[in-house]
Amino acid sequence: MTTISSGGESAPATADREIVISRVIGARRELVFEAFTEVRHLSRWWGPEGFTTTTRAFEFRVGGVWDFVMRGPDGTDYQEWISWREIVRPERIALLHGESRDDPNAFESVLTFEADGEQTRIVMHTVFPSKELRDEAVEKYHAIEGGEQTLHSLATYVTELTWDETTPKGTGN
């Protein structure tokens, strides 16, 4: 299948190389965006269930990088590297994600943060260099389940932040 670009020429479709995951989160867009863009928050929720994240370097700006290690529940370390390609606060982030700066298998992701009153719809749209790499991410690394679990962790985390912000001092547990 192909799509037609605005210039009339055929452009290859990316559907067989994509993963799209979305979730509605019960918190303001600015807070969800902040939780996704500040290292003090990321280490508290990033990754699938049972994973921990240790940041080695973090600079949230276009051209900046996030160099980190995710440790799986079985103790396996996964070297990760993200380069921020575009940042439109608090609406959109585009990034390149791989194991290292020169990873030929790195994939591109665009995250959008859509405000809906006091809620936010976050959409993670990922495009892999090939169908084979997308299929490997899904089958070997459980990318869809992992992405859904990661957004669940984000939702839980920002809900706790929202609760903390609205709870009068001295009344919480």
Protein backbone atom coordinates (compact mmCIF):
# COMPACT_ATOMS: atom_id res chain seq x y z
CA MET A 1 0.00 0.00 0.00
CA THR A 2 1.20 3.52 -0.74
CA THR A 3 0.05 6.95 0.19
CA ILE A 4 0.07 10.05 -1.95
CA SER A 5 1.99 13.06 -0.70
CA SER A 6 0.85 16.64 -1.27
CA GLY A 7 3.10 16.84 -4.32
CA GLY A 8 1.19 14.03 -6.05
CA GLU A 9 4.08 11.53 -6.05
CA SER A 10 3.80 8.18 -4.33
CA ALA A 11 5.32 7.87 -0.87
CA PRO A 12 5.87 4.53 0.86
CA ALA A 13 3.40 3.74 3.59
CA THR A 14 4.82 3.09 7.03
CA ALA A 15 1.91 1.10 8.48
CA ASP A 16 3.87 -2.17 8.53
CA ARG A 17 6.70 -0.44 10.44
CA GLU A 18 4.56 1.38 13.03
CA ILE A 19 3.37 0.95 16.58
CA VAL A 20 0.81 3.42 17.90
CA ILE A 21 -0.16 3.38 21.58
CA SER A 22 -2.41 5.87 23.32
CA ARG A 23 -3.92 6.43 26.73
CA VAL A 24 -6.10 9.00 28.44
CA ILE A 25 -4.50 10.17 31.68
CA GLY A 26 -6.46 11.89 34.44
CA ALA A 27 -4.13 14.87 34.81
CA ARG A 28 -3.51 18.24 33.15
CA ARG A 29 -1.44 18.22 29.96
CA GLU A 30 1.28 20.42 31.49
CA LEU A 31 1.81 17.96 34.33
CA VAL A 32 1.89 14.93 32.01
CA PHE A 33 4.37 16.73 29.74
CA GLU A 34 6.54 17.67 32.74
CA ALA A 35 6.57 14.06 33.98
CA PHE A 36 7.78 13.00 30.54
CA THR A 37 10.48 15.66 30.23
CA GLU A 38 12.17 16.00 33.63
CA VAL A 39 14.64 13.37 34.76
CA ARG A 40 13.49 13.63 38.39
CA HIS A 41 10.15 12.26 37.24
CA LEU A 42 11.25 9.82 34.54
CA SER A 43 13.21 7.58 36.88
CA ARG A 44 10.05 7.10 38.96
CA TRP A 45 7.83 5.67 36.21
CA TRP A 46 9.68 4.98 32.93
CA GLY A 47 9.58 1.45 31.57
CA PRO A 48 7.41 -1.66 31.65
CA GLU A 49 6.32 -3.33 34.87
CA GLY A 50 9.23 -4.56 36.97
CA PHE A 51 11.86 -2.44 35.18
CA THR A 52 13.99 0.27 36.76
CA THR A 53 15.68 3.16 35.00
CA THR A 54 19.08 4.66 35.79
CA THR A 55 20.02 7.86 33.97
CA ARG A 56 23.64 8.47 32.99
CA ALA A 57 23.07 11.77 31.14
CA PHE A 58 20.00 13.90 30.47
CA GLU A 59 19.57 17.15 28.58
CA PHE A 60 16.03 17.93 27.46
CA ARG A 61 16.51 20.25 24.50
CA VAL A 62 16.50 19.78 20.74
CA GLY A 63 19.76 17.96 20.02
CA GLY A 64 20.12 16.90 23.66
CA VAL A 65 20.25 13.28 24.74
CA TRP A 66 18.98 10.97 27.43
CA ASP A 67 21.49 8.16 28.03
CA PHE A 68 20.11 5.55 30.42
CA VAL A 69 19.99 1.90 31.43
CA MET A 70 16.79 -0.05 31.96
CA ARG A 71 17.15 -3.07 34.22
CA GLY A 72 14.64 -5.84 33.68
CA PRO A 73 13.06 -7.91 36.44
CA ASP A 74 15.50 -10.74 35.59
CA GLY A 75 18.50 -8.43 36.14
CA THR A 76 19.26 -7.88 32.45
CA ASP A 77 20.53 -4.38 31.63
CA TYR A 78 19.34 -2.69 28.44
CA GLN A 79 21.48 0.22 27.22
CA GLU A 80 19.21 2.98 25.90
CA TRP A 81 19.82 6.29 24.19
CA ILE A 82 17.34 8.96 23.10
CA SER A 83 18.04 12.11 21.10
CA TRP A 84 15.40 14.84 21.24
CA ARG A 85 14.56 15.94 17.67
CA GLU A 86 11.65 18.33 18.25
CA ILE A 87 10.06 19.83 21.36
CA VAL A 88 6.84 21.84 21.28
CA ARG A 89 5.83 22.49 24.91
CA PRO A 90 3.42 21.04 26.10
CA GLU A 91 2.11 19.48 22.88
CA ARG A 92 4.67 17.35 21.09
CA ILE A 93 8.02 15.59 21.36
CA ALA A 94 9.87 13.90 18.48
CA LEU A 95 12.80 11.65 19.30
CA LEU A 96 15.21 9.03 17.99
CA HIS A 97 15.57 5.98 20.27
CA GLY A 98 18.24 3.30 20.07
CA GLU A 99 20.89 1.51 22.09
CA SER A 100 23.56 4.11 21.32
CA ARG A 101 24.19 7.28 19.34
CA ASP A 102 25.13 5.38 16.16
CA ASP A 103 22.59 2.55 16.40
CA PRO A 104 21.56 1.70 12.80
CA ASN A 105 18.36 0.13 14.16
CA ALA A 106 17.21 3.23 16.08
CA PHE A 107 13.54 4.09 15.67
CA GLU A 108 11.69 7.39 15.56
CA SER A 109 8.84 8.30 17.89
CA VAL A 110 6.48 11.22 18.04
CA LEU A 111 4.56 11.79 21.26
CA THR A 112 1.57 14.08 21.30
CA PHE A 113 -0.14 15.44 24.40
CA GLU A 114 -3.74 16.47 23.72
CA ALA A 115 -5.57 18.42 26.41
CA ASP A 116 -9.15 17.43 27.22
CA GLY A 117 -10.17 19.50 30.20
CA GLU A 118 -8.38 18.08 33.24
CA GLN A 119 -7.33 14.99 31.26
CA THR A 120 -4.64 14.37 28.67
CA ARG A 121 -4.58 11.96 25.75
CA ILE A 122 -1.02 10.89 25.07
CA VAL A 123 -0.26 9.18 21.76
CA MET A 124 3.07 7.45 21.11
CA HIS A 125 3.59 6.94 17.38
CA THR A 126 6.73 4.91 16.62
CA VAL A 127 8.18 4.11 13.20
CA PHE A 128 10.93 1.50 12.83
CA PRO A 129 13.49 1.45 9.98
CA SER A 130 12.02 -1.84 8.68
CA LYS A 131 9.08 -4.17 9.11
CA GLU A 132 11.49 -6.81 10.41
CA LEU A 133 12.77 -4.54 13.20
CA ARG A 134 9.20 -3.62 14.12
CA ASP A 135 8.21 -7.29 14.23
CA GLU A 136 11.28 -8.14 16.34
CA ALA A 137 10.41 -5.35 18.80
CA VAL A 138 6.86 -6.70 19.09
CA GLU A 139 7.70 -10.41 19.27
CA LYS A 140 11.04 -10.49 21.13
CA TYR A 141 10.82 -7.36 23.30
CA HIS A 142 7.01 -7.17 23.70
CA ALA A 143 7.02 -3.52 22.60
CA ILE A 144 3.25 -3.10 22.53
CA GLU A 145 2.68 -4.54 26.01
CA GLY A 146 5.73 -2.68 27.31
CA GLY A 147 4.50 0.60 25.85
CA GLU A 148 1.05 0.10 27.35
CA GLN A 149 2.59 -0.75 30.74
CA THR A 150 4.84 2.32 30.53
CA LEU A 151 1.87 4.62 29.87
CA HIS A 152 -0.01 2.92 32.72
CA SER A 153 2.95 3.67 35.01
CA LEU A 154 2.95 7.29 33.81
CA ALA A 155 -0.80 7.57 34.48
CA THR A 156 -0.40 6.15 37.98
CA TYR A 157 2.54 8.42 38.71
CA VAL A 158 0.92 11.69 37.57
CA THR A 159 -2.30 10.77 39.37
CA GLU A 160 -0.24 10.50 42.57
CA LEU A 161 1.39 13.86 41.78
CA THR A 162 -2.03 15.43 41.20
CA TRP A 163 -3.32 13.96 44.45
CA ASP A 164 -0.26 15.27 46.30
CA GLU A 165 -0.76 18.74 44.80
CA THR A 166 -4.43 18.90 45.86
CA THR A 167 -4.14 17.30 49.31
CA PRO A 168 -3.97 19.90 52.09
CA LYS A 169 -0.82 19.58 54.16
CA GLY A 170 -1.24 17.42 57.24
CA THR A 171 -4.26 15.47 55.92
CA GLY A 172 -2.49 12.81 53.83
CA ASN A 173 -1.47 9.38 55.04
